[in-house]
Amino acid sequence: MSAGSGSGASTAFDAIVLAGGRGSRLGAVDKAALELRERRLVDRAVAACRAAGAARVIVVGPPHSGADADVVVREDPPFSG
């Protein structure tokens, strides 16, 4: 039963934030370090997941990319998609 069905029950979920990549279309910048108004985009995404009720937030990206995440993992080999 979905959370919107009127049952009053909510569905537990985990969230995955993809924060890696080469950034080639952005001039090879570190996408995990990009900021908007002095706050990293990845941190904004993690906060949005938490605000939506995520039980755990997993960030896939470089080790420095998920300071506020519960788990940070790196794809192996890097950039393998």
PDB file of N, CA and C in Angstrom:
ATOM      1  N   MET A   1       0.847  -1.169   0.000  1.00  0.00           N
ATOM      2  CA  MET A   1       0.000   0.000   0.000  1.00  0.00           C
ATOM      3  C   MET A   1       0.895   1.234   0.000  1.00  0.00           C
ATOM      4  N   SER A   2       0.619   2.209  -0.831  1.00  0.00           N
ATOM      5  CA  SER A   2       1.465   3.390  -0.918  1.00  0.00           C
ATOM      6  C   SER A   2       1.118   4.381   0.174  1.00  0.00           C
ATOM      7  N   ALA A   3       2.074   5.272   0.441  1.00  0.00           N
ATOM      8  CA  ALA A   3       1.878   6.264   1.492  1.00  0.00           C
ATOM      9  C   ALA A   3       0.723   7.200   1.159  1.00  0.00           C
ATOM     10  N   GLY A   4       0.432   7.382  -0.115  1.00  0.00           N
ATOM     11  CA  GLY A   4      -0.633   8.280  -0.518  1.00  0.00           C
ATOM     12  C   GLY A   4      -1.995   7.629  -0.585  1.00  0.00           C
ATOM     13  N   SER A   5      -2.153   6.416  -0.120  1.00  0.00           N
ATOM     14  CA  SER A   5      -3.419   5.706  -0.260  1.00  0.00           C
ATOM     15  C   SER A   5      -4.410   6.008   0.857  1.00  0.00           C
ATOM     16  N   GLY A   6      -4.020   6.856   1.804  1.00  0.00           N
ATOM     17  CA  GLY A   6      -4.928   7.199   2.875  1.00  0.00           C
ATOM     18  C   GLY A   6      -4.862   6.263   4.063  1.00  0.00           C
ATOM     19  N   SER A   7      -3.950   5.320   4.059  1.00  0.00           N
ATOM     20  CA  SER A   7      -3.856   4.360   5.153  1.00  0.00           C
ATOM     21  C   SER A   7      -3.170   4.940   6.378  1.00  0.00           C
ATOM     22  N   GLY A   8      -2.467   6.056   6.201  1.00  0.00           N
ATOM     23  CA  GLY A   8      -1.723   6.642   7.306  1.00  0.00           C
ATOM     24  C   GLY A   8      -0.370   5.994   7.498  1.00  0.00           C
ATOM     25  N   ALA A   9      -0.104   4.903   6.809  1.00  0.00           N
ATOM     26  CA  ALA A   9       1.184   4.227   6.911  1.00  0.00           C
ATOM     27  C   ALA A   9       2.158   4.820   5.902  1.00  0.00           C
ATOM     28  N   SER A  10       3.418   4.828   6.261  1.00  0.00           N
ATOM     29  CA  SER A  10       4.431   5.298   5.329  1.00  0.00           C
ATOM     30  C   SER A  10       5.359   4.141   4.991  1.00  0.00           C
ATOM     31  N   THR A  11       5.983   4.256   3.854  1.00  0.00           N
ATOM     32  CA  THR A  11       6.892   3.227   3.394  1.00  0.00           C
ATOM     33  C   THR A  11       8.315   3.642   3.717  1.00  0.00           C
ATOM     34  N   ALA A  12       9.054   2.780   4.406  1.00  0.00           N
ATOM     35  CA  ALA A  12      10.454   3.070   4.699  1.00  0.00           C
ATOM     36  C   ALA A  12      11.265   2.954   3.413  1.00  0.00           C
ATOM     37  N   PHE A  13      12.258   3.829   3.257  1.00  0.00           N
ATOM     38  CA  PHE A  13      13.106   3.763   2.071  1.00  0.00           C
ATOM     39  C   PHE A  13      14.498   4.285   2.388  1.00  0.00           C
ATOM     40  N   ASP A  14      15.455   3.823   1.608  1.00  0.00           N
ATOM     41  CA  ASP A  14      16.812   4.348   1.621  1.00  0.00           C
ATOM     42  C   ASP A  14      16.988   5.151   0.341  1.00  0.00           C
ATOM     43  N   ALA A  15      17.920   6.092   0.349  1.00  0.00           N
ATOM     44  CA  ALA A  15      18.166   6.917  -0.833  1.00  0.00           C
ATOM     45  C   ALA A  15      19.608   6.751  -1.288  1.00  0.00           C
ATOM     46  N   ILE A  16      19.806   6.797  -2.589  1.00  0.00           N
ATOM     47  CA  ILE A  16      21.143   6.732  -3.173  1.00  0.00           C
ATOM     48  C   ILE A  16      21.372   8.013  -3.959  1.00  0.00           C
ATOM     49  N   VAL A  17      22.469   8.709  -3.650  1.00  0.00           N
ATOM     50  CA  VAL A  17      22.847   9.936  -4.342  1.00  0.00           C
ATOM     51  C   VAL A  17      24.081   9.623  -5.181  1.00  0.00           C
ATOM     52  N   LEU A  18      23.990   9.836  -6.483  1.00  0.00           N
ATOM     53  CA  LEU A  18      25.123   9.610  -7.383  1.00  0.00           C
ATOM     54  C   LEU A  18      25.915  10.905  -7.491  1.00  0.00           C
ATOM     55  N   ALA A  19      27.121  10.915  -6.936  1.00  0.00           N
ATOM     56  CA  ALA A  19      27.895  12.149  -6.845  1.00  0.00           C
ATOM     57  C   ALA A  19      29.241  12.053  -7.543  1.00  0.00           C
ATOM     58  N   GLY A  20      29.403  11.074  -8.404  1.00  0.00           N
ATOM     59  CA  GLY A  20      30.695  10.904  -9.064  1.00  0.00           C
ATOM     60  C   GLY A  20      30.640  11.327 -10.510  1.00  0.00           C
ATOM     61  N   GLY A  21      31.606  10.887 -11.241  1.00  0.00           N
ATOM     62  CA  GLY A  21      31.676  11.190 -12.660  1.00  0.00           C
ATOM     63  C   GLY A  21      32.873  12.054 -12.983  1.00  0.00           C
ATOM     64  N   ARG A  22      33.204  12.070 -14.237  1.00  0.00           N
ATOM     65  CA  ARG A  22      34.393  12.812 -14.672  1.00  0.00           C
ATOM     66  C   ARG A  22      34.165  14.321 -14.732  1.00  0.00           C
ATOM     67  N   GLY A  23      32.950  14.755 -14.921  1.00  0.00           N
ATOM     68  CA  GLY A  23      32.682  16.185 -15.049  1.00  0.00           C
ATOM     69  C   GLY A  23      33.202  16.767 -16.348  1.00  0.00           C
ATOM     70  N   SER A  24      33.319  15.942 -17.379  1.00  0.00           N
ATOM     71  CA  SER A  24      33.910  16.399 -18.636  1.00  0.00           C
ATOM     72  C   SER A  24      33.105  17.526 -19.282  1.00  0.00           C
ATOM     73  N   ARG A  25      31.796  17.525 -19.141  1.00  0.00           N
ATOM     74  CA  ARG A  25      30.975  18.600 -19.718  1.00  0.00           C
ATOM     75  C   ARG A  25      31.040  19.873 -18.884  1.00  0.00           C
ATOM     76  N   LEU A  26      31.636  19.765 -17.699  1.00  0.00           N
ATOM     77  CA  LEU A  26      31.789  20.931 -16.824  1.00  0.00           C
ATOM     78  C   LEU A  26      33.238  21.393 -16.767  1.00  0.00           C
ATOM     79  N   GLY A  27      34.049  20.970 -17.731  1.00  0.00           N
ATOM     80  CA  GLY A  27      35.451  21.357 -17.736  1.00  0.00           C
ATOM     81  C   GLY A  27      36.289  20.528 -16.785  1.00  0.00           C
ATOM     82  N   ALA A  28      35.884  19.286 -16.544  1.00  0.00           N
ATOM     83  CA  ALA A  28      36.610  18.329 -15.691  1.00  0.00           C
ATOM     84  C   ALA A  28      36.698  18.785 -14.235  1.00  0.00           C
ATOM     85  N   VAL A  29      35.674  19.466 -13.751  1.00  0.00           N
ATOM     86  CA  VAL A  29      35.661  19.868 -12.342  1.00  0.00           C
ATOM     87  C   VAL A  29      35.235  18.689 -11.474  1.00  0.00           C
ATOM     88  N   ASP A  30      35.570  18.744 -10.213  1.00  0.00           N
ATOM     89  CA  ASP A  30      35.153  17.729  -9.243  1.00  0.00           C
ATOM     90  C   ASP A  30      33.683  17.975  -8.930  1.00  0.00           C
ATOM     91  N   LYS A  31      32.804  17.181  -9.542  1.00  0.00           N
ATOM     92  CA  LYS A  31      31.366  17.414  -9.382  1.00  0.00           C
ATOM     93  C   LYS A  31      30.917  17.288  -7.935  1.00  0.00           C
ATOM     94  N   ALA A  32      31.557  16.433  -7.167  1.00  0.00           N
ATOM     95  CA  ALA A  32      31.169  16.259  -5.769  1.00  0.00           C
ATOM     96  C   ALA A  32      31.489  17.496  -4.937  1.00  0.00           C
ATOM     97  N   ALA A  33      32.362  18.356  -5.442  1.00  0.00           N
ATOM     98  CA  ALA A  33      32.746  19.553  -4.696  1.00  0.00           C
ATOM     99  C   ALA A  33      32.027  20.817  -5.176  1.00  0.00           C
ATOM    100  N   LEU A  34      31.172  20.706  -6.194  1.00  0.00           N
ATOM    101  CA  LEU A  34      30.467  21.890  -6.700  1.00  0.00           C
ATOM    102  C   LEU A  34      29.577  22.494  -5.621  1.00  0.00           C
ATOM    103  N   GLU A  35      29.595  23.821  -5.542  1.00  0.00           N
ATOM    104  CA  GLU A  35      28.813  24.515  -4.519  1.00  0.00           C
ATOM    105  C   GLU A  35      27.789  25.449  -5.138  1.00  0.00           C
ATOM    106  N   LEU A  36      26.724  25.636  -4.410  1.00  0.00           N
ATOM    107  CA  LEU A  36      25.710  26.629  -4.723  1.00  0.00           C
ATOM    108  C   LEU A  36      25.439  27.375  -3.432  1.00  0.00           C
ATOM    109  N   ARG A  37      25.654  28.672  -3.446  1.00  0.00           N
ATOM    110  CA  ARG A  37      25.460  29.499  -2.247  1.00  0.00           C
ATOM    111  C   ARG A  37      26.202  28.926  -1.045  1.00  0.00           C
ATOM    112  N   GLU A  38      27.479  28.623  -1.273  1.00  0.00           N
ATOM    113  CA  GLU A  38      28.405  28.178  -0.230  1.00  0.00           C
ATOM    114  C   GLU A  38      28.046  26.832   0.400  1.00  0.00           C
ATOM    115  N   ARG A  39      27.275  26.008  -0.313  1.00  0.00           N
ATOM    116  CA  ARG A  39      26.952  24.663   0.173  1.00  0.00           C
ATOM    117  C   ARG A  39      27.059  23.694  -0.996  1.00  0.00           C
ATOM    118  N   ARG A  40      27.756  22.587  -0.769  1.00  0.00           N
ATOM    119  CA  ARG A  40      27.955  21.621  -1.849  1.00  0.00           C
ATOM    120  C   ARG A  40      26.619  21.041  -2.312  1.00  0.00           C
ATOM    121  N   LEU A  41      26.512  20.822  -3.623  1.00  0.00           N
ATOM    122  CA  LEU A  41      25.286  20.248  -4.183  1.00  0.00           C
ATOM    123  C   LEU A  41      25.005  18.872  -3.597  1.00  0.00           C
ATOM    124  N   VAL A  42      26.047  18.076  -3.372  1.00  0.00           N
ATOM    125  CA  VAL A  42      25.840  16.743  -2.806  1.00  0.00           C
ATOM    126  C   VAL A  42      25.269  16.846  -1.391  1.00  0.00           C
ATOM    127  N   ASP A  43      25.702  17.830  -0.623  1.00  0.00           N
ATOM    128  CA  ASP A  43      25.154  18.016   0.723  1.00  0.00           C
ATOM    129  C   ASP A  43      23.689  18.439   0.661  1.00  0.00           C
ATOM    130  N   ARG A  44      23.353  19.253  -0.330  1.00  0.00           N
ATOM    131  CA  ARG A  44      21.950  19.638  -0.521  1.00  0.00           C
ATOM    132  C   ARG A  44      21.099  18.419  -0.873  1.00  0.00           C
ATOM    133  N   ALA A  45      21.642  17.540  -1.718  1.00  0.00           N
ATOM    134  CA  ALA A  45      20.906  16.330  -2.106  1.00  0.00           C
ATOM    135  C   ALA A  45      20.706  15.404  -0.912  1.00  0.00           C
ATOM    136  N   VAL A  46      21.740  15.233  -0.097  1.00  0.00           N
ATOM    137  CA  VAL A  46      21.626  14.387   1.100  1.00  0.00           C
ATOM    138  C   VAL A  46      20.588  14.971   2.052  1.00  0.00           C
ATOM    139  N   ALA A  47      20.617  16.284   2.251  1.00  0.00           N
ATOM    140  CA  ALA A  47      19.645  16.933   3.137  1.00  0.00           C
ATOM    141  C   ALA A  47      18.221  16.759   2.612  1.00  0.00           C
ATOM    142  N   ALA A  48      18.043  16.845   1.296  1.00  0.00           N
ATOM    143  CA  ALA A  48      16.712  16.660   0.710  1.00  0.00           C
ATOM    144  C   ALA A  48      16.217  15.233   0.922  1.00  0.00           C
ATOM    145  N   CYS A  49      17.118  14.270   0.812  1.00  0.00           N
ATOM    146  CA  CYS A  49      16.742  12.867   1.061  1.00  0.00           C
ATOM    147  C   CYS A  49      16.300  12.681   2.503  1.00  0.00           C
ATOM    148  N   ARG A  50      17.041  13.282   3.428  1.00  0.00           N
ATOM    149  CA  ARG A  50      16.684  13.176   4.846  1.00  0.00           C
ATOM    150  C   ARG A  50      15.338  13.860   5.114  1.00  0.00           C
ATOM    151  N   ALA A  51      15.130  15.029   4.500  1.00  0.00           N
ATOM    152  CA  ALA A  51      13.874  15.756   4.688  1.00  0.00           C
ATOM    153  C   ALA A  51      12.686  14.966   4.142  1.00  0.00           C
ATOM    154  N   ALA A  52      12.935  14.148   3.117  1.00  0.00           N
ATOM    155  CA  ALA A  52      11.875  13.323   2.539  1.00  0.00           C
ATOM    156  C   ALA A  52      11.614  12.068   3.362  1.00  0.00           C
ATOM    157  N   GLY A  53      12.461  11.827   4.368  1.00  0.00           N
ATOM    158  CA  GLY A  53      12.243  10.697   5.262  1.00  0.00           C
ATOM    159  C   GLY A  53      13.099   9.473   5.015  1.00  0.00           C
ATOM    160  N   ALA A  54      14.171   9.615   4.246  1.00  0.00           N
ATOM    161  CA  ALA A  54      15.039   8.464   3.979  1.00  0.00           C
ATOM    162  C   ALA A  54      15.614   7.917   5.279  1.00  0.00           C
ATOM    163  N   ALA A  55      15.545   6.596   5.433  1.00  0.00           N
ATOM    164  CA  ALA A  55      16.107   5.956   6.620  1.00  0.00           C
ATOM    165  C   ALA A  55      17.632   6.010   6.582  1.00  0.00           C
ATOM    166  N   ARG A  56      18.202   5.743   5.420  1.00  0.00           N
ATOM    167  CA  ARG A  56      19.650   5.832   5.222  1.00  0.00           C
ATOM    168  C   ARG A  56      19.911   6.537   3.904  1.00  0.00           C
ATOM    169  N   VAL A  57      21.019   7.276   3.853  1.00  0.00           N
ATOM    170  CA  VAL A  57      21.426   7.930   2.618  1.00  0.00           C
ATOM    171  C   VAL A  57      22.803   7.391   2.234  1.00  0.00           C
ATOM    172  N   ILE A  58      22.886   6.844   1.035  1.00  0.00           N
ATOM    173  CA  ILE A  58      24.122   6.290   0.507  1.00  0.00           C
ATOM    174  C   ILE A  58      24.590   7.203  -0.612  1.00  0.00           C
ATOM    175  N   VAL A  59      25.845   7.637  -0.562  1.00  0.00           N
ATOM    176  CA  VAL A  59      26.415   8.462  -1.615  1.00  0.00           C
ATOM    177  C   VAL A  59      27.407   7.611  -2.394  1.00  0.00           C
ATOM    178  N   VAL A  60      27.276   7.628  -3.718  1.00  0.00           N
ATOM    179  CA  VAL A  60      28.225   6.952  -4.599  1.00  0.00           C
ATOM    180  C   VAL A  60      29.105   8.032  -5.200  1.00  0.00           C
ATOM    181  N   GLY A  61      30.385   8.002  -4.867  1.00  0.00           N
ATOM    182  CA  GLY A  61      31.312   9.008  -5.359  1.00  0.00           C
ATOM    183  C   GLY A  61      32.635   8.923  -4.639  1.00  0.00           C
ATOM    184  N   PRO A  62      33.472   9.938  -4.811  1.00  0.00           N
ATOM    185  CA  PRO A  62      34.771   9.952  -4.147  1.00  0.00           C
ATOM    186  C   PRO A  62      34.603   9.958  -2.623  1.00  0.00           C
ATOM    187  N   PRO A  63      35.614   9.502  -1.891  1.00  0.00           N
ATOM    188  CA  PRO A  63      35.500   9.419  -0.428  1.00  0.00           C
ATOM    189  C   PRO A  63      35.081  10.728   0.247  1.00  0.00           C
ATOM    190  N   HIS A  64      35.494  11.868  -0.304  1.00  0.00           N
ATOM    191  CA  HIS A  64      35.167  13.159   0.316  1.00  0.00           C
ATOM    192  C   HIS A  64      33.754  13.641  -0.018  1.00  0.00           C
ATOM    193  N   SER A  65      33.013  12.895  -0.812  1.00  0.00           N
ATOM    194  CA  SER A  65      31.747  13.402  -1.333  1.00  0.00           C
ATOM    195  C   SER A  65      30.556  13.275  -0.398  1.00  0.00           C
ATOM    196  N   GLY A  66      30.633  12.458   0.623  1.00  0.00           N
ATOM    197  CA  GLY A  66      29.446  12.218   1.421  1.00  0.00           C
ATOM    198  C   GLY A  66      29.597  12.481   2.893  1.00  0.00           C
ATOM    199  N   ALA A  67      30.039  13.667   3.246  1.00  0.00           N
ATOM    200  CA  ALA A  67      30.281  13.974   4.654  1.00  0.00           C
ATOM    201  C   ALA A  67      29.049  13.754   5.522  1.00  0.00           C
ATOM    202  N   ASP A  68      27.866  14.019   4.996  1.00  0.00           N
ATOM    203  CA  ASP A  68      26.638  13.883   5.783  1.00  0.00           C
ATOM    204  C   ASP A  68      25.894  12.580   5.505  1.00  0.00           C
ATOM    205  N   ALA A  69      26.475  11.719   4.686  1.00  0.00           N
ATOM    206  CA  ALA A  69      25.819  10.459   4.323  1.00  0.00           C
ATOM    207  C   ALA A  69      26.062   9.392   5.383  1.00  0.00           C
ATOM    208  N   ASP A  70      25.200   8.395   5.388  1.00  0.00           N
ATOM    209  CA  ASP A  70      25.398   7.248   6.275  1.00  0.00           C
ATOM    210  C   ASP A  70      26.469   6.317   5.729  1.00  0.00           C
ATOM    211  N   VAL A  71      26.525   6.196   4.406  1.00  0.00           N
ATOM    212  CA  VAL A  71      27.477   5.310   3.740  1.00  0.00           C
ATOM    213  C   VAL A  71      27.988   6.020   2.494  1.00  0.00           C
ATOM    214  N   VAL A  72      29.297   5.921   2.234  1.00  0.00           N
ATOM    215  CA  VAL A  72      29.880   6.423   0.989  1.00  0.00           C
ATOM    216  C   VAL A  72      30.563   5.247   0.311  1.00  0.00           C
ATOM    217  N   VAL A  73      30.220   5.016  -0.941  1.00  0.00           N
ATOM    218  CA  VAL A  73      30.836   3.934  -1.706  1.00  0.00           C
ATOM    219  C   VAL A  73      31.380   4.489  -3.011  1.00  0.00           C
ATOM    220  N   ARG A  74      32.348   3.792  -3.546  1.00  0.00           N
ATOM    221  CA  ARG A  74      32.969   4.190  -4.815  1.00  0.00           C
ATOM    222  C   ARG A  74      32.770   3.069  -5.818  1.00  0.00           C
ATOM    223  N   GLU A  75      32.406   3.399  -7.050  1.00  0.00           N
ATOM    224  CA  GLU A  75      32.300   2.349  -8.053  1.00  0.00           C
ATOM    225  C   GLU A  75      33.700   1.818  -8.360  1.00  0.00           C
ATOM    226  N   ASP A  76      33.767   0.526  -8.659  1.00  0.00           N
ATOM    227  CA  ASP A  76      35.053  -0.104  -8.896  1.00  0.00           C
ATOM    228  C   ASP A  76      34.959  -0.960 -10.142  1.00  0.00           C
ATOM    229  N   PRO A  77      35.716  -0.631 -11.183  1.00  0.00           N
ATOM    230  CA  PRO A  77      36.706   0.432 -11.258  1.00  0.00           C
ATOM    231  C   PRO A  77      36.042   1.800 -11.406  1.00  0.00           C
ATOM    232  N   PRO A  78      36.757   2.850 -10.994  1.00  0.00           N
ATOM    233  CA  PRO A  78      36.204   4.204 -11.098  1.00  0.00           C
ATOM    234  C   PRO A  78      35.767   4.541 -12.526  1.00  0.00           C
ATOM    235  N   PHE A  79      34.683   5.263 -12.623  1.00  0.00           N
ATOM    236  CA  PHE A  79      34.112   5.747 -13.883  1.00  0.00           C
ATOM    237  C   PHE A  79      33.647   4.617 -14.796  1.00  0.00           C
ATOM    238  N   SER A  80      33.347   3.460 -14.235  1.00  0.00           N
ATOM    239  CA  SER A  80      32.918   2.333 -15.065  1.00  0.00           C
ATOM    240  C   SER A  80      31.434   2.395 -15.409  1.00  0.00           C
ATOM    241  N   GLY A  81      30.704   3.279 -14.713  1.00  0.00           N
ATOM    242  CA  GLY A  81      29.290   3.453 -15.017  1.00  0.00           C
ATOM    243  C   GLY A  81      28.504   2.315 -14.515  1.00  0.00           C
TER     244      GLY A  81
END
